[in-house]
Amino acid sequence: MRIAAIQCPAMADDVSATCETIVQRLRWADTEAIDLIHLPEAFLLGHSYDPDMIRSRASAATDYALAELCRQVASFRATLVVGAFEMQHPDVFNSAFVVERGRIAGRYAKAYPNEPGVTGGSDFPTFLKAGVRYGINICNDANHADAAGKVARQNADLILYPLNNMLSPETAERWREKSLVNLVDRARQTNCWVASSDVTGRAGGLLSYGCTAIVAPSGEVVARVPELSGGAAIYDLPGRQLS
């Protein structure tokens, strides 16, 4: 399976602009024979730690933004994994959606949300693409070995980590190395490939260096987008060998 993990500036609240950005990425992915492309945490309408903003974005995603995204990406071959806050009354989840040919084929809700008012998910679904079984953890989940373990125990080959490290400059500096250390630890712990996708740059006084990388089960970083740069980490993962 050929995977692309995207690092890019954060976007917020502009459904048309975000959908156009995603369409451009998928158009590129199809020309590069990418099987799966994944984007940062809550990328569709933006991440937040403000409870009112979170609920507003969750309502917008559930009411119309996800449907509009699916409509616009229906013609593309690559599987898309994209995040958004999601409303399931009365709860709000921080979710990642698996989109196949314009259809939501599944979702994962962040098990260890660190956003106020967001409910933790309890399911750890896995998906199959081009001979590779994969699951998803989201950002803060990387600090919890049990979340990765619940994916790995389902014979997963790959764990995707949508991230959003847009933080105060002081906090961003503290996490600059730790984010990658977590990914390496989760790969070694589970014997799975790990791929992360992060935002990068400055916005509203916040900073993200960006931690977009693909890590082998051995812990070797086999692809990474440079800090403070947009781009894609691309790698051809081996499919499961069937006897």
C-alpha atoms as a PDB file:
ATOM      1  CA  MET A   1       0.000   0.000   0.000  1.00  0.00           C
ATOM      2  CA  ARG A   2       1.342   3.415  -0.928  1.00  0.00           C
ATOM      3  CA  ILE A   3       0.590   5.916   1.826  1.00  0.00           C
ATOM      4  CA  ALA A   4       0.905   9.696   1.938  1.00  0.00           C
ATOM      5  CA  ALA A   5       0.816  11.614   5.237  1.00  0.00           C
ATOM      6  CA  ILE A   6       0.216  15.317   4.700  1.00  0.00           C
ATOM      7  CA  GLN A   7       1.743  18.249   6.592  1.00  0.00           C
ATOM      8  CA  CYS A   8       0.123  21.621   5.896  1.00  0.00           C
ATOM      9  CA  PRO A   9      -1.086  24.850   7.521  1.00  0.00           C
ATOM     10  CA  ALA A  10      -4.176  24.619   9.704  1.00  0.00           C
ATOM     11  CA  MET A  11      -7.505  25.701   8.209  1.00  0.00           C
ATOM     12  CA  ALA A  12     -10.663  26.685  10.068  1.00  0.00           C
ATOM     13  CA  ASP A  13     -14.363  27.211   9.410  1.00  0.00           C
ATOM     14  CA  ASP A  14     -14.170  27.699   5.631  1.00  0.00           C
ATOM     15  CA  VAL A  15     -15.745  24.559   4.213  1.00  0.00           C
ATOM     16  CA  SER A  16     -15.304  25.578   0.597  1.00  0.00           C
ATOM     17  CA  ALA A  17     -11.605  26.379   0.953  1.00  0.00           C
ATOM     18  CA  THR A  18     -10.863  23.257   2.971  1.00  0.00           C
ATOM     19  CA  CYS A  19     -12.735  20.995   0.564  1.00  0.00           C
ATOM     20  CA  GLU A  20     -10.845  22.547  -2.346  1.00  0.00           C
ATOM     21  CA  THR A  21      -7.542  21.913  -0.561  1.00  0.00           C
ATOM     22  CA  ILE A  22      -8.514  18.287   0.048  1.00  0.00           C
ATOM     23  CA  VAL A  23      -9.646  17.857  -3.565  1.00  0.00           C
ATOM     24  CA  GLN A  24      -6.271  19.168  -4.753  1.00  0.00           C
ATOM     25  CA  ARG A  25      -4.482  16.704  -2.480  1.00  0.00           C
ATOM     26  CA  LEU A  26      -6.599  13.804  -3.749  1.00  0.00           C
ATOM     27  CA  ARG A  27      -6.047  14.822  -7.362  1.00  0.00           C
ATOM     28  CA  TRP A  28      -2.302  14.727  -6.694  1.00  0.00           C
ATOM     29  CA  ALA A  29      -2.646  11.416  -4.825  1.00  0.00           C
ATOM     30  CA  ASP A  30      -4.321   9.747  -7.773  1.00  0.00           C
ATOM     31  CA  THR A  31      -1.569  10.888 -10.148  1.00  0.00           C
ATOM     32  CA  GLU A  32       1.037   9.458  -7.752  1.00  0.00           C
ATOM     33  CA  ALA A  33      -0.771   6.108  -7.312  1.00  0.00           C
ATOM     34  CA  ILE A  34      -1.322   6.794  -3.602  1.00  0.00           C
ATOM     35  CA  ASP A  35      -3.638   4.235  -1.987  1.00  0.00           C
ATOM     36  CA  LEU A  36      -4.279   6.110   1.262  1.00  0.00           C
ATOM     37  CA  ILE A  37      -3.840   9.763   2.160  1.00  0.00           C
ATOM     38  CA  HIS A  38      -4.358  11.132   5.641  1.00  0.00           C
ATOM     39  CA  LEU A  39      -4.641  14.633   7.011  1.00  0.00           C
ATOM     40  CA  PRO A  40      -4.145  16.276  10.430  1.00  0.00           C
ATOM     41  CA  GLU A  41      -6.472  16.113  13.410  1.00  0.00           C
ATOM     42  CA  ALA A  42      -9.803  17.977  13.031  1.00  0.00           C
ATOM     43  CA  PHE A  43      -8.637  19.320   9.676  1.00  0.00           C
ATOM     44  CA  LEU A  44     -12.045  19.716   8.064  1.00  0.00           C
ATOM     45  CA  LEU A  45     -13.211  22.728  10.142  1.00  0.00           C
ATOM     46  CA  GLY A  46     -10.283  23.233  12.472  1.00  0.00           C
ATOM     47  CA  HIS A  47      -9.133  22.175  15.912  1.00  0.00           C
ATOM     48  CA  SER A  48      -9.875  24.105  19.118  1.00  0.00           C
ATOM     49  CA  TYR A  49      -9.698  23.946  22.909  1.00  0.00           C
ATOM     50  CA  ASP A  50     -12.637  26.330  23.306  1.00  0.00           C
ATOM     51  CA  PRO A  51     -15.811  24.388  24.253  1.00  0.00           C
ATOM     52  CA  ASP A  52     -18.197  26.694  22.381  1.00  0.00           C
ATOM     53  CA  MET A  53     -16.053  26.646  19.246  1.00  0.00           C
ATOM     54  CA  ILE A  54     -15.775  22.873  19.437  1.00  0.00           C
ATOM     55  CA  ARG A  55     -19.548  22.415  19.632  1.00  0.00           C
ATOM     56  CA  SER A  56     -20.108  24.891  16.805  1.00  0.00           C
ATOM     57  CA  ARG A  57     -17.652  23.091  14.550  1.00  0.00           C
ATOM     58  CA  ALA A  58     -19.058  19.703  15.519  1.00  0.00           C
ATOM     59  CA  SER A  59     -22.563  20.839  14.577  1.00  0.00           C
ATOM     60  CA  ALA A  60     -21.362  22.262  11.266  1.00  0.00           C
ATOM     61  CA  ALA A  61     -19.456  19.103  10.391  1.00  0.00           C
ATOM     62  CA  THR A  62     -22.392  16.861  11.210  1.00  0.00           C
ATOM     63  CA  ASP A  63     -25.043  19.078   9.594  1.00  0.00           C
ATOM     64  CA  TYR A  64     -23.381  19.742   6.257  1.00  0.00           C
ATOM     65  CA  ALA A  65     -19.571  19.855   6.004  1.00  0.00           C
ATOM     66  CA  LEU A  66     -18.943  16.111   5.942  1.00  0.00           C
ATOM     67  CA  ALA A  67     -21.657  15.595   3.348  1.00  0.00           C
ATOM     68  CA  GLU A  68     -20.217  18.359   1.173  1.00  0.00           C
ATOM     69  CA  LEU A  69     -16.738  16.885   1.433  1.00  0.00           C
ATOM     70  CA  CYS A  70     -18.012  13.436   0.449  1.00  0.00           C
ATOM     71  CA  ARG A  71     -19.805  14.910  -2.547  1.00  0.00           C
ATOM     72  CA  GLN A  72     -16.657  16.614  -3.784  1.00  0.00           C
ATOM     73  CA  VAL A  73     -14.290  13.650  -3.380  1.00  0.00           C
ATOM     74  CA  ALA A  74     -16.488  10.895  -4.805  1.00  0.00           C
ATOM     75  CA  SER A  75     -14.501  10.555  -8.034  1.00  0.00           C
ATOM     76  CA  PHE A  76     -11.086   9.905  -6.484  1.00  0.00           C
ATOM     77  CA  ARG A  77      -9.465   6.497  -6.080  1.00  0.00           C
ATOM     78  CA  ALA A  78      -7.358   7.080  -2.962  1.00  0.00           C
ATOM     79  CA  THR A  79      -8.808   6.416   0.477  1.00  0.00           C
ATOM     80  CA  LEU A  80      -9.019   9.627   2.506  1.00  0.00           C
ATOM     81  CA  VAL A  81      -8.656   9.791   6.284  1.00  0.00           C
ATOM     82  CA  VAL A  82      -9.718  13.197   7.562  1.00  0.00           C
ATOM     83  CA  GLY A  83     -10.672  14.502  10.993  1.00  0.00           C
ATOM     84  CA  ALA A  84     -13.447  16.691  12.373  1.00  0.00           C
ATOM     85  CA  PHE A  85     -15.279  17.323  15.605  1.00  0.00           C
ATOM     86  CA  GLU A  86     -18.547  15.413  15.362  1.00  0.00           C
ATOM     87  CA  MET A  87     -21.903  15.842  17.089  1.00  0.00           C
ATOM     88  CA  GLN A  88     -23.776  12.785  18.305  1.00  0.00           C
ATOM     89  CA  HIS A  89     -26.264  14.401  20.665  1.00  0.00           C
ATOM     90  CA  PRO A  90     -25.640  15.041  23.459  1.00  0.00           C
ATOM     91  CA  ASP A  91     -21.981  14.115  22.950  1.00  0.00           C
ATOM     92  CA  VAL A  92     -19.221  15.680  20.907  1.00  0.00           C
ATOM     93  CA  PHE A  93     -16.414  13.468  19.605  1.00  0.00           C
ATOM     94  CA  ASN A  94     -13.065  14.235  18.033  1.00  0.00           C
ATOM     95  CA  SER A  95     -13.228  11.810  15.124  1.00  0.00           C
ATOM     96  CA  ALA A  96     -11.290  10.663  12.078  1.00  0.00           C
ATOM     97  CA  PHE A  97     -13.353   9.520   9.101  1.00  0.00           C
ATOM     98  CA  VAL A  98     -12.370   6.945   6.510  1.00  0.00           C
ATOM     99  CA  VAL A  99     -13.786   8.108   3.174  1.00  0.00           C
ATOM    100  CA  GLU A 100     -13.917   5.761   0.190  1.00  0.00           C
ATOM    101  CA  ARG A 101     -15.173   7.119  -3.145  1.00  0.00           C
ATOM    102  CA  GLY A 102     -17.280   9.743  -1.397  1.00  0.00           C
ATOM    103  CA  ARG A 103     -18.714   7.368   1.197  1.00  0.00           C
ATOM    104  CA  ILE A 104     -17.875   7.339   4.906  1.00  0.00           C
ATOM    105  CA  ALA A 105     -16.691   3.770   5.333  1.00  0.00           C
ATOM    106  CA  GLY A 106     -15.932   4.119   9.042  1.00  0.00           C
ATOM    107  CA  ARG A 107     -14.850   6.416  11.840  1.00  0.00           C
ATOM    108  CA  TYR A 108     -12.664   6.416  14.918  1.00  0.00           C
ATOM    109  CA  ALA A 109     -13.331   8.680  17.919  1.00  0.00           C
ATOM    110  CA  LYS A 110     -10.334   9.851  19.950  1.00  0.00           C
ATOM    111  CA  ALA A 111     -10.096   7.658  23.032  1.00  0.00           C
ATOM    112  CA  TYR A 112      -8.220  10.169  25.197  1.00  0.00           C
ATOM    113  CA  PRO A 113      -9.518  13.620  24.218  1.00  0.00           C
ATOM    114  CA  ASN A 114      -7.796  16.568  25.883  1.00  0.00           C
ATOM    115  CA  GLU A 115     -10.314  19.085  24.539  1.00  0.00           C
ATOM    116  CA  PRO A 116     -12.937  20.393  27.021  1.00  0.00           C
ATOM    117  CA  GLY A 117     -16.368  18.855  26.616  1.00  0.00           C
ATOM    118  CA  VAL A 118     -15.287  16.139  24.186  1.00  0.00           C
ATOM    119  CA  THR A 119     -16.322  12.560  24.951  1.00  0.00           C
ATOM    120  CA  GLY A 120     -13.810   9.764  24.611  1.00  0.00           C
ATOM    121  CA  GLY A 121     -14.483   6.985  22.130  1.00  0.00           C
ATOM    122  CA  SER A 122     -14.428   3.332  23.124  1.00  0.00           C
ATOM    123  CA  ASP A 123     -14.229   1.518  19.772  1.00  0.00           C
ATOM    124  CA  PHE A 124     -11.033   0.724  17.884  1.00  0.00           C
ATOM    125  CA  PRO A 125     -12.106  -0.300  14.371  1.00  0.00           C
ATOM    126  CA  THR A 126      -9.654  -1.501  11.750  1.00  0.00           C
ATOM    127  CA  PHE A 127      -9.843  -1.229   7.980  1.00  0.00           C
ATOM    128  CA  LEU A 128      -8.254  -3.051   5.051  1.00  0.00           C
ATOM    129  CA  LYS A 129      -6.645  -1.369   2.047  1.00  0.00           C
ATOM    130  CA  ALA A 130      -4.365  -2.939  -0.572  1.00  0.00           C
ATOM    131  CA  GLY A 131      -3.462  -5.850   1.693  1.00  0.00           C
ATOM    132  CA  VAL A 132      -2.703  -3.677   4.730  1.00  0.00           C
ATOM    133  CA  ARG A 133      -4.895  -3.655   7.837  1.00  0.00           C
ATOM    134  CA  TYR A 134      -4.846  -0.325   9.634  1.00  0.00           C
ATOM    135  CA  GLY A 135      -6.412   1.481  12.556  1.00  0.00           C
ATOM    136  CA  ILE A 136      -6.365   5.016  13.906  1.00  0.00           C
ATOM    137  CA  ASN A 137      -5.318   6.789  17.088  1.00  0.00           C
ATOM    138  CA  ILE A 138      -5.545  10.590  17.372  1.00  0.00           C
ATOM    139  CA  CYS A 139      -2.916  12.962  18.812  1.00  0.00           C
ATOM    140  CA  ASN A 140      -3.084  12.635  22.629  1.00  0.00           C
ATOM    141  CA  ASP A 141      -3.847   8.923  22.196  1.00  0.00           C
ATOM    142  CA  ALA A 142      -0.139   8.544  21.369  1.00  0.00           C
ATOM    143  CA  ASN A 143       0.601   9.140  25.069  1.00  0.00           C
ATOM    144  CA  HIS A 144      -1.409   6.020  25.964  1.00  0.00           C
ATOM    145  CA  ALA A 145       0.105   2.675  25.015  1.00  0.00           C
ATOM    146  CA  ASP A 146      -3.175   0.836  25.532  1.00  0.00           C
ATOM    147  CA  ALA A 147      -4.851   2.729  22.684  1.00  0.00           C
ATOM    148  CA  ALA A 148      -2.229   1.525  20.212  1.00  0.00           C
ATOM    149  CA  GLY A 149      -2.367  -1.960  21.709  1.00  0.00           C
ATOM    150  CA  LYS A 150      -6.107  -2.250  21.048  1.00  0.00           C
ATOM    151  CA  VAL A 151      -5.467  -1.611  17.360  1.00  0.00           C
ATOM    152  CA  ALA A 152      -2.429  -3.874  17.141  1.00  0.00           C
ATOM    153  CA  ARG A 153      -4.200  -6.843  18.730  1.00  0.00           C
ATOM    154  CA  GLN A 154      -6.559  -6.930  15.729  1.00  0.00           C
ATOM    155  CA  ASN A 155      -3.679  -7.997  13.469  1.00  0.00           C
ATOM    156  CA  ALA A 156      -3.142  -4.434  12.305  1.00  0.00           C
ATOM    157  CA  ASP A 157      -0.106  -3.596  10.205  1.00  0.00           C
ATOM    158  CA  LEU A 158      -0.391   0.199  10.463  1.00  0.00           C
ATOM    159  CA  ILE A 159      -1.620   2.821  12.929  1.00  0.00           C
ATOM    160  CA  LEU A 160      -2.459   6.297  11.641  1.00  0.00           C
ATOM    161  CA  TYR A 161      -1.958   9.278  13.952  1.00  0.00           C
ATOM    162  CA  PRO A 162      -3.679  12.512  12.868  1.00  0.00           C
ATOM    163  CA  LEU A 163      -2.028  15.226  14.999  1.00  0.00           C
ATOM    164  CA  ASN A 164      -2.584  18.888  15.709  1.00  0.00           C
ATOM    165  CA  ASN A 165       0.428  20.331  17.525  1.00  0.00           C
ATOM    166  CA  MET A 166      -0.646  23.975  17.128  1.00  0.00           C
ATOM    167  CA  LEU A 167       0.287  25.174  20.613  1.00  0.00           C
ATOM    168  CA  SER A 168       1.719  28.128  22.464  1.00  0.00           C
ATOM    169  CA  PRO A 169       5.365  28.555  21.406  1.00  0.00           C
ATOM    170  CA  GLU A 170       6.627  27.386  24.803  1.00  0.00           C
ATOM    171  CA  THR A 171       4.469  24.248  24.731  1.00  0.00           C
ATOM    172  CA  ALA A 172       5.304  23.594  21.081  1.00  0.00           C
ATOM    173  CA  GLU A 173       8.993  23.633  21.969  1.00  0.00           C
ATOM    174  CA  ARG A 174       8.441  21.128  24.775  1.00  0.00           C
ATOM    175  CA  TRP A 175       6.651  18.762  22.405  1.00  0.00           C
ATOM    176  CA  ARG A 176       8.989  19.300  19.463  1.00  0.00           C
ATOM    177  CA  GLU A 177      10.929  16.084  20.091  1.00  0.00           C
ATOM    178  CA  LYS A 178       8.438  14.258  22.309  1.00  0.00           C
ATOM    179  CA  SER A 179       5.850  13.875  19.543  1.00  0.00           C
ATOM    180  CA  LEU A 180       8.244  11.857  17.400  1.00  0.00           C
ATOM    181  CA  VAL A 181       9.492   9.878  20.420  1.00  0.00           C
ATOM    182  CA  ASN A 182       5.886   8.832  21.106  1.00  0.00           C
ATOM    183  CA  LEU A 183       5.434   7.613  17.534  1.00  0.00           C
ATOM    184  CA  VAL A 184       8.657   5.610  17.667  1.00  0.00           C
ATOM    185  CA  ASP A 185       7.616   4.100  21.007  1.00  0.00           C
ATOM    186  CA  ARG A 186       4.196   3.089  19.654  1.00  0.00           C
ATOM    187  CA  ALA A 187       5.774   1.473  16.580  1.00  0.00           C
ATOM    188  CA  ARG A 188       8.206  -0.570  18.670  1.00  0.00           C
ATOM    189  CA  GLN A 189       5.528  -1.449  21.223  1.00  0.00           C
ATOM    190  CA  THR A 190       3.045  -2.769  18.661  1.00  0.00           C
ATOM    191  CA  ASN A 191       5.383  -3.982  15.903  1.00  0.00           C
ATOM    192  CA  CYS A 192       3.204  -1.895  13.555  1.00  0.00           C
ATOM    193  CA  TRP A 193       4.046   0.755  11.028  1.00  0.00           C
ATOM    194  CA  VAL A 194       3.063   4.205  12.297  1.00  0.00           C
ATOM    195  CA  ALA A 195       2.194   7.259  10.173  1.00  0.00           C
ATOM    196  CA  SER A 196       1.424  10.732  11.501  1.00  0.00           C
ATOM    197  CA  SER A 197       0.003  13.832   9.831  1.00  0.00           C
ATOM    198  CA  ASP A 198       0.344  17.253  11.462  1.00  0.00           C
ATOM    199  CA  VAL A 199      -0.340  20.932  10.868  1.00  0.00           C
ATOM    200  CA  THR A 200       2.565  23.361  10.698  1.00  0.00           C
ATOM    201  CA  GLY A 201       3.299  27.072  10.874  1.00  0.00           C
ATOM    202  CA  ARG A 202       2.001  29.960  12.984  1.00  0.00           C
ATOM    203  CA  ALA A 203      -1.583  31.044  13.565  1.00  0.00           C
ATOM    204  CA  GLY A 204      -3.034  33.432  16.133  1.00  0.00           C
ATOM    205  CA  GLY A 205       0.064  33.450  18.310  1.00  0.00           C
ATOM    206  CA  LEU A 206       0.316  29.651  18.234  1.00  0.00           C
ATOM    207  CA  LEU A 207       3.039  27.524  16.656  1.00  0.00           C
ATOM    208  CA  SER A 208       3.379  24.015  15.269  1.00  0.00           C
ATOM    209  CA  TYR A 209       6.724  22.733  14.060  1.00  0.00           C
ATOM    210  CA  GLY A 210       4.948  19.782  12.457  1.00  0.00           C
ATOM    211  CA  CYS A 211       5.549  16.116  13.184  1.00  0.00           C
ATOM    212  CA  THR A 212       4.578  14.272  10.004  1.00  0.00           C
ATOM    213  CA  ALA A 213       6.460  11.007   9.702  1.00  0.00           C
ATOM    214  CA  ILE A 214       6.293   7.352   8.776  1.00  0.00           C
ATOM    215  CA  VAL A 215       7.942   4.979  11.238  1.00  0.00           C
ATOM    216  CA  ALA A 216       8.828   1.331  10.665  1.00  0.00           C
ATOM    217  CA  PRO A 217       8.017  -1.328  13.299  1.00  0.00           C
ATOM    218  CA  SER A 218      11.698  -1.256  14.267  1.00  0.00           C
ATOM    219  CA  GLY A 219      11.371   2.413  15.210  1.00  0.00           C
ATOM    220  CA  GLU A 220      13.280   3.668  12.167  1.00  0.00           C
ATOM    221  CA  VAL A 221      11.873   6.896  10.719  1.00  0.00           C
ATOM    222  CA  VAL A 222      11.669   6.065   7.009  1.00  0.00           C
ATOM    223  CA  ALA A 223      10.044   9.311   5.817  1.00  0.00           C
ATOM    224  CA  ARG A 224       9.442  12.725   7.351  1.00  0.00           C
ATOM    225  CA  VAL A 225       8.344  16.164   6.186  1.00  0.00           C
ATOM    226  CA  PRO A 226      10.784  18.862   7.354  1.00  0.00           C
ATOM    227  CA  GLU A 227       9.643  21.043  10.242  1.00  0.00           C
ATOM    228  CA  LEU A 228       7.771  24.248   9.365  1.00  0.00           C
ATOM    229  CA  SER A 229       7.306  23.024   5.777  1.00  0.00           C
ATOM    230  CA  GLY A 230       4.333  21.768   3.853  1.00  0.00           C
ATOM    231  CA  GLY A 231       4.564  18.465   2.040  1.00  0.00           C
ATOM    232  CA  ALA A 232       3.917  14.751   2.162  1.00  0.00           C
ATOM    233  CA  ALA A 233       5.692  11.803   3.723  1.00  0.00           C
ATOM    234  CA  ILE A 234       5.283   8.971   1.217  1.00  0.00           C
ATOM    235  CA  TYR A 235       6.107   5.300   1.642  1.00  0.00           C
ATOM    236  CA  ASP A 236       5.231   1.962   0.072  1.00  0.00           C
ATOM    237  CA  LEU A 237       4.190  -0.319   2.920  1.00  0.00           C
ATOM    238  CA  PRO A 238       4.484  -4.070   2.359  1.00  0.00           C
ATOM    239  CA  GLY A 239       1.224  -5.990   2.313  1.00  0.00           C
ATOM    240  CA  ARG A 240       0.634  -8.909   4.645  1.00  0.00           C
ATOM    241  CA  GLN A 241       2.197 -12.080   3.316  1.00  0.00           C
ATOM    242  CA  LEU A 242      -0.423 -14.826   3.101  1.00  0.00           C
ATOM    243  CA  SER A 243       0.671 -18.460   3.284  1.00  0.00           C
END
